[in-house]
Amino acid sequence: MNITYYRIVSPDEGKNIMMTRDSNHEIFDDCGISIDENKIELPFKIKMLAGKECKYDRYTPEYITPSIQERLNDYYSESSLMSPELVNALRSAGVGNLQTFPVDIKDTFTGEVLGVEYLLVHVAGLVSCADMGSSEHLSIGSKYYFHKLKIDQEKTKGLKMFRLAESHSEIIVEEKVANVINSGKFAGIAAEPCN
């Protein structure tokens, strides 16, 4: 059976919110190696930058409405944050290699901890499965940036979601998982076909 693969993207929706990790910097959540939670301090600390008050206002100087809670996404790629609803949907679609960790999100302008639940999500497992001969790519050090990505399905180890070993920032999913992501229920995340 031929499987269609998708890459996860985080479309810029102009919501003026950025989340950055502020603790456990020695942990690289894109390395594919399982994270030993006994060796880290939990919860992960996250800084939220929102609007002109934090000098993170790339779109509209007077972005007052909607509220921060109304502007929050279900996915923040730069800090590997997901809403619990997105994590549950991925697991219901058969994704079994996610490690999740609690987070505290601090608004850098008010200093308050955001009262919304998120999880830092680690996709365990790097898979070397890019068909380099059929893909269009640029070399960046020992890794690659893909303009066009073709996945060799024989090398995916049957995983429904994984990080690509040739480019650790690329998260690849099977079509069933992509359909869940693209259902319209989740903000800040989309799945685009690879093949």
N, C-alpha and C. Protein backbone atom coordinates (compact mmCIF):
# COMPACT_ATOMS: atom_id res chain seq x y z
N MET A 1 0.83 -1.18 0.00
CA MET A 1 0.00 0.00 0.00
C MET A 1 0.88 1.25 0.00
N ASN A 2 0.58 2.15 -0.90
CA ASN A 2 1.34 3.39 -1.00
C ASN A 2 0.80 4.41 -0.01
N ILE A 3 1.67 4.97 0.82
CA ILE A 3 1.28 5.93 1.85
C ILE A 3 1.73 7.32 1.44
N THR A 4 0.85 8.30 1.61
CA THR A 4 1.21 9.68 1.34
C THR A 4 1.69 10.30 2.64
N TYR A 5 2.82 11.01 2.57
CA TYR A 5 3.39 11.66 3.74
C TYR A 5 3.26 13.17 3.62
N TYR A 6 3.18 13.80 4.78
CA TYR A 6 3.00 15.25 4.87
C TYR A 6 4.05 15.82 5.82
N ARG A 7 4.39 17.08 5.60
CA ARG A 7 5.28 17.77 6.53
C ARG A 7 4.46 18.77 7.32
N ILE A 8 4.79 18.90 8.60
CA ILE A 8 4.09 19.84 9.48
C ILE A 8 4.64 21.24 9.24
N VAL A 9 3.75 22.19 9.08
CA VAL A 9 4.13 23.60 8.94
C VAL A 9 3.34 24.40 9.97
N SER A 10 3.88 25.55 10.29
CA SER A 10 3.22 26.44 11.25
C SER A 10 2.96 27.76 10.55
N PRO A 11 1.78 27.89 9.91
CA PRO A 11 1.50 29.09 9.13
C PRO A 11 1.41 30.33 10.02
N ASP A 12 1.95 31.42 9.52
CA ASP A 12 1.89 32.69 10.24
C ASP A 12 0.50 33.27 10.05
N GLU A 13 -0.25 33.32 11.12
CA GLU A 13 -1.63 33.80 11.05
C GLU A 13 -1.77 35.22 11.58
N GLY A 14 -0.64 35.91 11.81
CA GLY A 14 -0.69 37.30 12.23
C GLY A 14 -1.26 37.53 13.62
N LYS A 15 -1.05 36.59 14.53
CA LYS A 15 -1.63 36.72 15.86
C LYS A 15 -0.69 37.39 16.86
N ASN A 16 0.53 37.73 16.44
CA ASN A 16 1.46 38.49 17.27
C ASN A 16 1.82 37.84 18.60
N ILE A 17 1.95 36.54 18.63
CA ILE A 17 2.35 35.85 19.86
C ILE A 17 3.51 34.93 19.53
N MET A 18 4.56 35.03 20.35
CA MET A 18 5.70 34.13 20.20
C MET A 18 5.97 33.48 21.56
N MET A 19 6.25 32.19 21.54
CA MET A 19 6.58 31.45 22.75
C MET A 19 8.02 30.97 22.63
N THR A 20 8.82 31.23 23.66
CA THR A 20 10.21 30.77 23.67
C THR A 20 10.50 30.04 24.97
N ARG A 21 11.31 29.02 24.87
CA ARG A 21 11.66 28.23 26.06
C ARG A 21 12.63 29.02 26.93
N ASP A 22 12.41 28.99 28.24
CA ASP A 22 13.23 29.76 29.18
C ASP A 22 13.87 28.87 30.25
N SER A 23 13.84 27.56 30.05
CA SER A 23 14.50 26.64 30.99
C SER A 23 14.91 25.38 30.24
N ASN A 24 15.76 24.60 30.88
CA ASN A 24 16.23 23.33 30.32
C ASN A 24 16.80 23.52 28.91
N HIS A 25 17.62 24.54 28.74
CA HIS A 25 18.20 24.82 27.42
C HIS A 25 19.13 23.71 26.93
N GLU A 26 19.60 22.88 27.84
CA GLU A 26 20.48 21.79 27.46
C GLU A 26 19.72 20.64 26.79
N ILE A 27 18.40 20.68 26.86
CA ILE A 27 17.56 19.65 26.24
C ILE A 27 17.20 20.10 24.83
N PHE A 28 17.54 19.29 23.87
CA PHE A 28 17.21 19.60 22.49
C PHE A 28 16.02 18.73 22.09
N ASP A 29 14.87 19.36 21.90
CA ASP A 29 13.66 18.60 21.63
C ASP A 29 13.54 18.17 20.17
N ASP A 30 14.55 18.47 19.36
CA ASP A 30 14.52 18.01 17.97
C ASP A 30 15.56 16.94 17.68
N CYS A 31 16.15 16.37 18.73
CA CYS A 31 17.23 15.40 18.53
C CYS A 31 16.72 13.98 18.34
N GLY A 32 15.47 13.73 18.67
CA GLY A 32 14.90 12.41 18.49
C GLY A 32 15.13 11.45 19.63
N ILE A 33 16.09 11.76 20.52
CA ILE A 33 16.39 10.88 21.64
C ILE A 33 15.39 11.15 22.75
N SER A 34 14.89 10.10 23.38
CA SER A 34 13.93 10.26 24.47
C SER A 34 14.53 11.13 25.57
N ILE A 35 13.68 11.97 26.15
CA ILE A 35 14.10 12.87 27.23
C ILE A 35 13.82 12.18 28.55
N ASP A 36 14.83 12.08 29.43
CA ASP A 36 14.67 11.49 30.75
C ASP A 36 14.17 12.57 31.69
N GLU A 37 12.89 12.49 32.06
CA GLU A 37 12.31 13.55 32.88
C GLU A 37 12.88 13.58 34.29
N ASN A 38 13.60 12.54 34.70
CA ASN A 38 14.25 12.55 36.01
C ASN A 38 15.50 13.43 36.01
N LYS A 39 15.97 13.81 34.83
CA LYS A 39 17.19 14.62 34.73
C LYS A 39 16.92 16.07 34.38
N ILE A 40 15.65 16.47 34.39
CA ILE A 40 15.31 17.85 34.07
C ILE A 40 14.40 18.43 35.13
N GLU A 41 14.37 19.74 35.19
CA GLU A 41 13.48 20.43 36.11
C GLU A 41 12.15 20.70 35.40
N LEU A 42 11.08 20.24 36.04
CA LEU A 42 9.75 20.45 35.48
C LEU A 42 8.96 21.39 36.38
N PRO A 43 8.03 22.14 35.88
CA PRO A 43 7.66 22.22 34.47
C PRO A 43 8.67 23.04 33.67
N PHE A 44 8.66 22.85 32.34
CA PHE A 44 9.45 23.70 31.46
C PHE A 44 8.93 25.13 31.60
N LYS A 45 9.83 26.09 31.61
CA LYS A 45 9.46 27.50 31.69
C LYS A 45 9.43 28.07 30.27
N ILE A 46 8.33 28.76 29.95
CA ILE A 46 8.14 29.34 28.62
C ILE A 46 7.87 30.84 28.79
N LYS A 47 8.50 31.66 27.96
CA LYS A 47 8.23 33.09 27.93
C LYS A 47 7.30 33.37 26.75
N MET A 48 6.24 34.13 27.02
CA MET A 48 5.32 34.53 25.96
C MET A 48 5.56 36.01 25.66
N LEU A 49 5.79 36.30 24.39
CA LEU A 49 5.91 37.67 23.91
C LEU A 49 4.67 37.95 23.09
N ALA A 50 3.95 39.01 23.44
CA ALA A 50 2.71 39.30 22.73
C ALA A 50 2.52 40.80 22.57
N GLY A 51 2.38 41.24 21.33
CA GLY A 51 2.04 42.63 21.04
C GLY A 51 3.14 43.63 21.28
N LYS A 52 2.80 44.89 21.11
CA LYS A 52 3.79 45.96 21.13
C LYS A 52 4.43 46.15 22.49
N GLU A 53 3.74 45.76 23.58
CA GLU A 53 4.31 45.92 24.91
C GLU A 53 5.63 45.16 25.05
N CYS A 54 5.77 44.06 24.35
CA CYS A 54 6.97 43.23 24.42
C CYS A 54 7.85 43.41 23.19
N LYS A 55 7.59 44.47 22.45
CA LYS A 55 8.33 44.73 21.22
C LYS A 55 8.24 43.54 20.26
N TYR A 56 7.10 42.84 20.35
CA TYR A 56 6.83 41.77 19.40
C TYR A 56 5.50 42.09 18.75
N ASP A 57 5.53 43.05 17.87
CA ASP A 57 4.32 43.50 17.20
C ASP A 57 4.66 43.67 15.73
N ARG A 58 4.56 42.62 14.99
CA ARG A 58 5.00 42.63 13.61
C ARG A 58 3.91 43.06 12.65
N TYR A 59 2.69 43.24 13.12
CA TYR A 59 1.61 43.47 12.18
C TYR A 59 0.87 44.77 12.40
N THR A 60 0.21 44.92 13.53
CA THR A 60 -0.64 46.08 13.75
C THR A 60 -0.27 46.74 15.07
N PRO A 61 0.16 48.00 15.04
CA PRO A 61 0.57 48.67 16.28
C PRO A 61 -0.52 48.72 17.34
N GLU A 62 -1.75 48.75 16.95
CA GLU A 62 -2.84 48.87 17.91
C GLU A 62 -3.61 47.56 18.05
N TYR A 63 -2.90 46.45 18.10
CA TYR A 63 -3.54 45.14 18.19
C TYR A 63 -4.04 44.92 19.61
N ILE A 64 -5.26 45.34 19.90
CA ILE A 64 -5.81 45.25 21.24
C ILE A 64 -6.82 44.10 21.32
N THR A 65 -7.66 43.97 20.31
CA THR A 65 -8.63 42.88 20.30
C THR A 65 -8.31 41.98 19.12
N PRO A 66 -8.54 40.74 19.15
CA PRO A 66 -9.06 39.97 20.27
C PRO A 66 -8.04 39.81 21.41
N SER A 67 -8.47 39.21 22.51
CA SER A 67 -7.61 39.04 23.68
C SER A 67 -6.51 38.02 23.38
N ILE A 68 -5.54 37.95 24.27
CA ILE A 68 -4.45 36.97 24.12
C ILE A 68 -5.03 35.56 24.08
N GLN A 69 -5.96 35.24 24.98
CA GLN A 69 -6.54 33.89 24.99
C GLN A 69 -7.21 33.55 23.66
N GLU A 70 -7.83 34.52 23.04
CA GLU A 70 -8.49 34.29 21.75
C GLU A 70 -7.49 34.15 20.61
N ARG A 71 -6.29 34.66 20.80
CA ARG A 71 -5.26 34.62 19.74
C ARG A 71 -4.33 33.42 19.85
N LEU A 72 -4.44 32.64 20.92
CA LEU A 72 -3.51 31.53 21.12
C LEU A 72 -3.70 30.44 20.07
N ASN A 73 -2.58 29.86 19.65
CA ASN A 73 -2.59 28.74 18.70
C ASN A 73 -2.57 27.42 19.46
N ASP A 74 -2.83 26.36 18.73
CA ASP A 74 -2.71 25.01 19.29
C ASP A 74 -1.29 24.49 19.14
N TYR A 75 -0.46 25.18 18.34
CA TYR A 75 0.89 24.70 18.07
C TYR A 75 1.84 25.88 17.92
N TYR A 76 2.99 25.77 18.60
CA TYR A 76 4.07 26.74 18.47
C TYR A 76 5.34 25.95 18.15
N SER A 77 5.75 25.96 16.90
CA SER A 77 6.86 25.12 16.46
C SER A 77 8.18 25.51 17.12
N GLU A 78 8.41 26.82 17.33
CA GLU A 78 9.71 27.25 17.85
C GLU A 78 9.96 26.79 19.27
N SER A 79 8.91 26.48 20.02
CA SER A 79 9.08 26.00 21.39
C SER A 79 8.48 24.61 21.61
N SER A 80 8.04 23.97 20.55
CA SER A 80 7.46 22.62 20.59
C SER A 80 6.26 22.53 21.54
N LEU A 81 5.44 23.57 21.57
CA LEU A 81 4.25 23.57 22.42
C LEU A 81 3.02 23.13 21.63
N MET A 82 2.18 22.33 22.30
CA MET A 82 0.90 21.92 21.72
C MET A 82 -0.17 22.02 22.80
N SER A 83 -1.38 22.30 22.35
CA SER A 83 -2.52 22.24 23.26
C SER A 83 -2.81 20.78 23.58
N PRO A 84 -3.36 20.50 24.76
CA PRO A 84 -3.72 19.11 25.09
C PRO A 84 -4.70 18.52 24.07
N GLU A 85 -5.57 19.35 23.52
CA GLU A 85 -6.53 18.86 22.52
C GLU A 85 -5.83 18.35 21.27
N LEU A 86 -4.79 19.06 20.83
CA LEU A 86 -4.02 18.62 19.66
C LEU A 86 -3.27 17.33 19.97
N VAL A 87 -2.64 17.26 21.13
CA VAL A 87 -1.91 16.04 21.53
C VAL A 87 -2.87 14.85 21.56
N ASN A 88 -4.04 15.03 22.16
CA ASN A 88 -5.02 13.93 22.23
C ASN A 88 -5.48 13.50 20.85
N ALA A 89 -5.67 14.46 19.94
CA ALA A 89 -6.10 14.13 18.58
C ALA A 89 -5.00 13.35 17.85
N LEU A 90 -3.74 13.73 18.03
CA LEU A 90 -2.63 13.01 17.40
C LEU A 90 -2.56 11.58 17.93
N ARG A 91 -2.69 11.43 19.23
CA ARG A 91 -2.65 10.09 19.82
C ARG A 91 -3.84 9.25 19.35
N SER A 92 -5.00 9.86 19.21
CA SER A 92 -6.18 9.13 18.73
C SER A 92 -6.00 8.68 17.28
N ALA A 93 -5.16 9.41 16.53
CA ALA A 93 -4.88 9.05 15.13
C ALA A 93 -3.80 7.98 15.04
N GLY A 94 -3.30 7.50 16.17
CA GLY A 94 -2.34 6.41 16.17
C GLY A 94 -0.90 6.81 16.42
N VAL A 95 -0.65 8.08 16.73
CA VAL A 95 0.73 8.51 17.03
C VAL A 95 1.08 8.03 18.43
N GLY A 96 2.13 7.21 18.52
CA GLY A 96 2.48 6.62 19.80
C GLY A 96 3.85 6.99 20.32
N ASN A 97 4.53 7.93 19.67
CA ASN A 97 5.90 8.25 20.07
C ASN A 97 6.05 9.70 20.54
N LEU A 98 5.05 10.20 21.26
CA LEU A 98 5.13 11.56 21.79
C LEU A 98 5.43 11.52 23.28
N GLN A 99 6.42 12.30 23.69
CA GLN A 99 6.65 12.54 25.10
C GLN A 99 6.09 13.92 25.40
N THR A 100 5.35 14.06 26.48
CA THR A 100 4.77 15.36 26.82
C THR A 100 5.22 15.77 28.21
N PHE A 101 5.42 17.08 28.38
CA PHE A 101 5.90 17.63 29.64
C PHE A 101 5.09 18.87 29.99
N PRO A 102 4.83 19.08 31.27
CA PRO A 102 4.09 20.28 31.68
C PRO A 102 4.92 21.54 31.48
N VAL A 103 4.24 22.66 31.29
CA VAL A 103 4.91 23.95 31.13
C VAL A 103 4.21 25.02 31.96
N ASP A 104 4.97 26.03 32.34
CA ASP A 104 4.43 27.28 32.87
C ASP A 104 4.76 28.35 31.86
N ILE A 105 3.75 29.06 31.39
CA ILE A 105 3.96 30.12 30.41
C ILE A 105 3.80 31.46 31.11
N LYS A 106 4.87 32.26 31.05
CA LYS A 106 4.87 33.56 31.72
C LYS A 106 4.76 34.66 30.68
N ASP A 107 3.78 35.53 30.86
CA ASP A 107 3.62 36.71 30.01
C ASP A 107 4.74 37.69 30.36
N THR A 108 5.62 37.98 29.42
CA THR A 108 6.77 38.83 29.73
C THR A 108 6.39 40.27 30.01
N PHE A 109 5.20 40.69 29.60
CA PHE A 109 4.76 42.07 29.86
C PHE A 109 4.16 42.19 31.26
N THR A 110 3.26 41.29 31.62
CA THR A 110 2.58 41.39 32.91
C THR A 110 3.31 40.65 34.02
N GLY A 111 4.17 39.67 33.64
CA GLY A 111 4.86 38.85 34.63
C GLY A 111 3.99 37.73 35.18
N GLU A 112 2.76 37.64 34.73
CA GLU A 112 1.83 36.63 35.22
C GLU A 112 1.99 35.32 34.45
N VAL A 113 1.69 34.22 35.14
CA VAL A 113 1.67 32.91 34.50
C VAL A 113 0.33 32.78 33.79
N LEU A 114 0.39 32.41 32.52
CA LEU A 114 -0.81 32.27 31.71
C LEU A 114 -1.65 31.11 32.23
N GLY A 115 -2.93 31.32 32.38
CA GLY A 115 -3.80 30.30 32.93
C GLY A 115 -4.37 29.36 31.87
N VAL A 116 -3.57 29.01 30.88
CA VAL A 116 -4.00 28.12 29.80
C VAL A 116 -3.02 26.94 29.76
N GLU A 117 -3.56 25.73 29.63
CA GLU A 117 -2.70 24.55 29.64
C GLU A 117 -2.10 24.29 28.26
N TYR A 118 -0.79 24.07 28.26
CA TYR A 118 -0.05 23.63 27.08
C TYR A 118 0.88 22.52 27.52
N LEU A 119 1.39 21.78 26.56
CA LEU A 119 2.38 20.75 26.82
C LEU A 119 3.57 20.96 25.91
N LEU A 120 4.78 20.78 26.44
CA LEU A 120 5.95 20.72 25.58
C LEU A 120 5.96 19.30 25.03
N VAL A 121 6.03 19.18 23.72
CA VAL A 121 5.90 17.88 23.07
C VAL A 121 7.20 17.53 22.36
N HIS A 122 7.69 16.34 22.67
CA HIS A 122 8.90 15.82 22.05
C HIS A 122 8.51 14.64 21.17
N VAL A 123 8.81 14.74 19.89
CA VAL A 123 8.57 13.63 18.96
C VAL A 123 9.81 12.73 19.02
N ALA A 124 9.67 11.59 19.69
CA ALA A 124 10.81 10.69 19.89
C ALA A 124 11.06 9.88 18.62
N GLY A 125 12.32 9.85 18.20
CA GLY A 125 12.71 9.06 17.05
C GLY A 125 13.04 9.89 15.83
N LEU A 126 14.27 9.75 15.37
CA LEU A 126 14.69 10.33 14.09
C LEU A 126 14.68 9.22 13.06
N VAL A 127 14.14 9.51 11.89
CA VAL A 127 14.08 8.49 10.84
C VAL A 127 14.77 9.02 9.60
N SER A 128 15.73 8.26 9.12
CA SER A 128 16.45 8.60 7.89
C SER A 128 15.71 7.95 6.73
N CYS A 129 14.83 8.72 6.08
CA CYS A 129 13.99 8.13 5.04
C CYS A 129 13.76 9.06 3.86
N ALA A 130 14.53 10.16 3.77
CA ALA A 130 14.38 11.05 2.61
C ALA A 130 14.96 10.36 1.38
N ASP A 131 14.20 10.34 0.30
CA ASP A 131 14.69 9.84 -0.98
C ASP A 131 15.48 10.99 -1.60
N MET A 132 16.78 11.01 -1.34
CA MET A 132 17.61 12.15 -1.72
C MET A 132 17.68 12.33 -3.24
N GLY A 133 17.60 11.26 -3.99
CA GLY A 133 17.65 11.35 -5.44
C GLY A 133 16.39 11.96 -6.05
N SER A 134 15.26 11.80 -5.38
CA SER A 134 13.99 12.34 -5.89
C SER A 134 13.58 13.65 -5.21
N SER A 135 14.33 14.06 -4.20
CA SER A 135 14.02 15.30 -3.48
C SER A 135 14.87 16.44 -4.00
N GLU A 136 14.38 17.66 -3.83
CA GLU A 136 15.16 18.86 -4.15
C GLU A 136 15.58 19.47 -2.82
N HIS A 137 16.89 19.68 -2.65
CA HIS A 137 17.37 20.11 -1.34
C HIS A 137 18.65 20.93 -1.46
N LEU A 138 18.92 21.65 -0.38
CA LEU A 138 20.18 22.38 -0.22
C LEU A 138 20.89 21.81 0.99
N SER A 139 22.20 21.70 0.91
CA SER A 139 22.98 21.22 2.04
C SER A 139 23.24 22.38 3.00
N ILE A 140 23.00 22.13 4.29
CA ILE A 140 23.30 23.10 5.34
C ILE A 140 24.11 22.35 6.37
N GLY A 141 25.43 22.46 6.29
CA GLY A 141 26.29 21.67 7.16
C GLY A 141 26.09 20.20 6.85
N SER A 142 25.79 19.42 7.89
CA SER A 142 25.56 17.98 7.68
C SER A 142 24.07 17.66 7.48
N LYS A 143 23.23 18.68 7.48
CA LYS A 143 21.79 18.49 7.30
C LYS A 143 21.33 19.12 5.99
N TYR A 144 20.03 19.05 5.73
CA TYR A 144 19.49 19.53 4.46
C TYR A 144 18.25 20.38 4.67
N TYR A 145 18.04 21.31 3.76
CA TYR A 145 16.80 22.06 3.67
C TYR A 145 16.11 21.57 2.41
N PHE A 146 14.87 21.11 2.54
CA PHE A 146 14.16 20.51 1.41
C PHE A 146 13.16 21.48 0.79
N HIS A 147 13.32 21.71 -0.52
CA HIS A 147 12.32 22.46 -1.29
C HIS A 147 11.20 21.51 -1.69
N LYS A 148 11.60 20.32 -2.10
CA LYS A 148 10.67 19.24 -2.44
C LYS A 148 11.18 18.00 -1.74
N LEU A 149 10.30 17.34 -1.00
CA LEU A 149 10.71 16.20 -0.18
C LEU A 149 9.94 14.96 -0.60
N LYS A 150 10.67 13.92 -0.92
CA LYS A 150 10.09 12.61 -1.25
C LYS A 150 10.53 11.65 -0.15
N ILE A 151 9.55 10.97 0.45
CA ILE A 151 9.82 10.03 1.54
C ILE A 151 9.88 8.61 0.99
N ASP A 152 10.89 7.85 1.41
CA ASP A 152 11.01 6.43 1.09
C ASP A 152 10.23 5.66 2.16
N GLN A 153 9.03 5.25 1.82
CA GLN A 153 8.14 4.64 2.79
C GLN A 153 8.70 3.35 3.40
N GLU A 154 9.58 2.67 2.69
CA GLU A 154 10.17 1.43 3.23
C GLU A 154 11.06 1.69 4.44
N LYS A 155 11.50 2.93 4.63
CA LYS A 155 12.43 3.26 5.71
C LYS A 155 11.77 3.98 6.88
N THR A 156 10.45 4.14 6.89
CA THR A 156 9.79 4.93 7.92
C THR A 156 9.54 4.18 9.23
N LYS A 157 9.84 2.91 9.26
CA LYS A 157 9.69 2.08 10.47
C LYS A 157 8.25 2.00 10.96
N GLY A 158 7.30 2.31 10.08
CA GLY A 158 5.90 2.22 10.44
C GLY A 158 5.41 3.33 11.36
N LEU A 159 6.24 4.33 11.62
CA LEU A 159 5.83 5.43 12.49
C LEU A 159 4.84 6.35 11.77
N LYS A 160 3.85 6.82 12.48
CA LYS A 160 2.86 7.72 11.89
C LYS A 160 3.28 9.18 11.99
N MET A 161 4.25 9.48 12.86
CA MET A 161 4.77 10.84 13.03
C MET A 161 6.21 10.71 13.49
N PHE A 162 7.11 11.45 12.85
CA PHE A 162 8.52 11.36 13.21
C PHE A 162 9.28 12.59 12.73
N ARG A 163 10.46 12.77 13.30
CA ARG A 163 11.38 13.80 12.82
C ARG A 163 12.27 13.18 11.75
N LEU A 164 12.56 13.96 10.74
CA LEU A 164 13.39 13.50 9.64
C LEU A 164 14.87 13.63 10.02
N ALA A 165 15.61 12.56 9.97
CA ALA A 165 17.02 12.58 10.36
C ALA A 165 17.85 13.51 9.48
N GLU A 166 17.48 13.64 8.22
CA GLU A 166 18.23 14.50 7.31
C GLU A 166 17.99 15.99 7.58
N SER A 167 16.92 16.31 8.30
CA SER A 167 16.59 17.69 8.64
C SER A 167 15.73 17.67 9.91
N HIS A 168 16.37 17.78 11.07
CA HIS A 168 15.69 17.57 12.35
C HIS A 168 14.49 18.48 12.58
N SER A 169 14.45 19.62 11.92
CA SER A 169 13.31 20.52 12.12
C SER A 169 12.05 20.04 11.38
N GLU A 170 12.20 19.12 10.46
CA GLU A 170 11.06 18.59 9.69
C GLU A 170 10.34 17.50 10.49
N ILE A 171 9.05 17.71 10.72
CA ILE A 171 8.21 16.67 11.32
C ILE A 171 7.31 16.15 10.21
N ILE A 172 7.34 14.83 10.04
CA ILE A 172 6.62 14.15 8.96
C ILE A 172 5.49 13.32 9.58
N VAL A 173 4.34 13.31 8.90
CA VAL A 173 3.19 12.52 9.37
C VAL A 173 2.58 11.75 8.20
N GLU A 174 1.92 10.65 8.55
CA GLU A 174 1.14 9.90 7.56
C GLU A 174 -0.17 10.64 7.28
N GLU A 175 -0.82 10.25 6.20
CA GLU A 175 -2.04 10.93 5.75
C GLU A 175 -3.15 10.97 6.80
N LYS A 176 -3.36 9.87 7.54
CA LYS A 176 -4.41 9.84 8.56
C LYS A 176 -4.17 10.93 9.61
N VAL A 177 -2.93 11.11 10.00
CA VAL A 177 -2.57 12.14 10.99
C VAL A 177 -2.73 13.53 10.36
N ALA A 178 -2.31 13.65 9.10
CA ALA A 178 -2.46 14.94 8.39
C ALA A 178 -3.92 15.35 8.31
N ASN A 179 -4.81 14.40 8.09
CA ASN A 179 -6.24 14.71 8.01
C ASN A 179 -6.76 15.27 9.34
N VAL A 180 -6.27 14.74 10.44
CA VAL A 180 -6.65 15.26 11.76
C VAL A 180 -6.14 16.68 11.93
N ILE A 181 -4.90 16.90 11.57
CA ILE A 181 -4.29 18.23 11.69
C ILE A 181 -5.03 19.25 10.82
N ASN A 182 -5.39 18.83 9.61
CA ASN A 182 -6.03 19.74 8.66
C ASN A 182 -7.55 19.79 8.80
N SER A 183 -8.09 19.24 9.88
CA SER A 183 -9.54 19.17 10.07
C SER A 183 -10.18 20.54 10.29
N GLY A 184 -9.36 21.55 10.55
CA GLY A 184 -9.91 22.88 10.81
C GLY A 184 -10.13 23.16 12.28
N LYS A 185 -9.81 22.20 13.13
CA LYS A 185 -10.03 22.36 14.56
C LYS A 185 -8.83 22.98 15.28
N PHE A 186 -7.68 23.06 14.60
CA PHE A 186 -6.45 23.46 15.29
C PHE A 186 -5.80 24.66 14.61
N ALA A 187 -5.45 25.65 15.41
CA ALA A 187 -4.83 26.88 14.89
C ALA A 187 -3.30 26.77 15.00
N GLY A 188 -2.62 27.36 14.01
CA GLY A 188 -1.16 27.44 14.03
C GLY A 188 -0.44 26.21 13.53
N ILE A 189 -1.17 25.28 12.93
CA ILE A 189 -0.55 24.06 12.42
C ILE A 189 -1.29 23.63 11.16
N ALA A 190 -0.52 23.11 10.20
CA ALA A 190 -1.09 22.54 8.98
C ALA A 190 -0.14 21.43 8.51
N ALA A 191 -0.65 20.56 7.66
CA ALA A 191 0.15 19.50 7.08
C ALA A 191 0.10 19.63 5.56
N GLU A 192 1.27 19.73 4.94
CA GLU A 192 1.38 19.87 3.49
C GLU A 192 1.98 18.61 2.89
N PRO A 193 1.47 18.13 1.76
CA PRO A 193 1.99 16.91 1.16
C PRO A 193 3.47 17.00 0.82
N CYS A 194 4.20 15.91 1.08
CA CYS A 194 5.62 15.83 0.72
C CYS A 194 5.78 15.35 -0.72
N ASN A 195 5.10 14.27 -1.05
CA ASN A 195 5.36 13.57 -2.30
C ASN A 195 4.70 14.25 -3.48
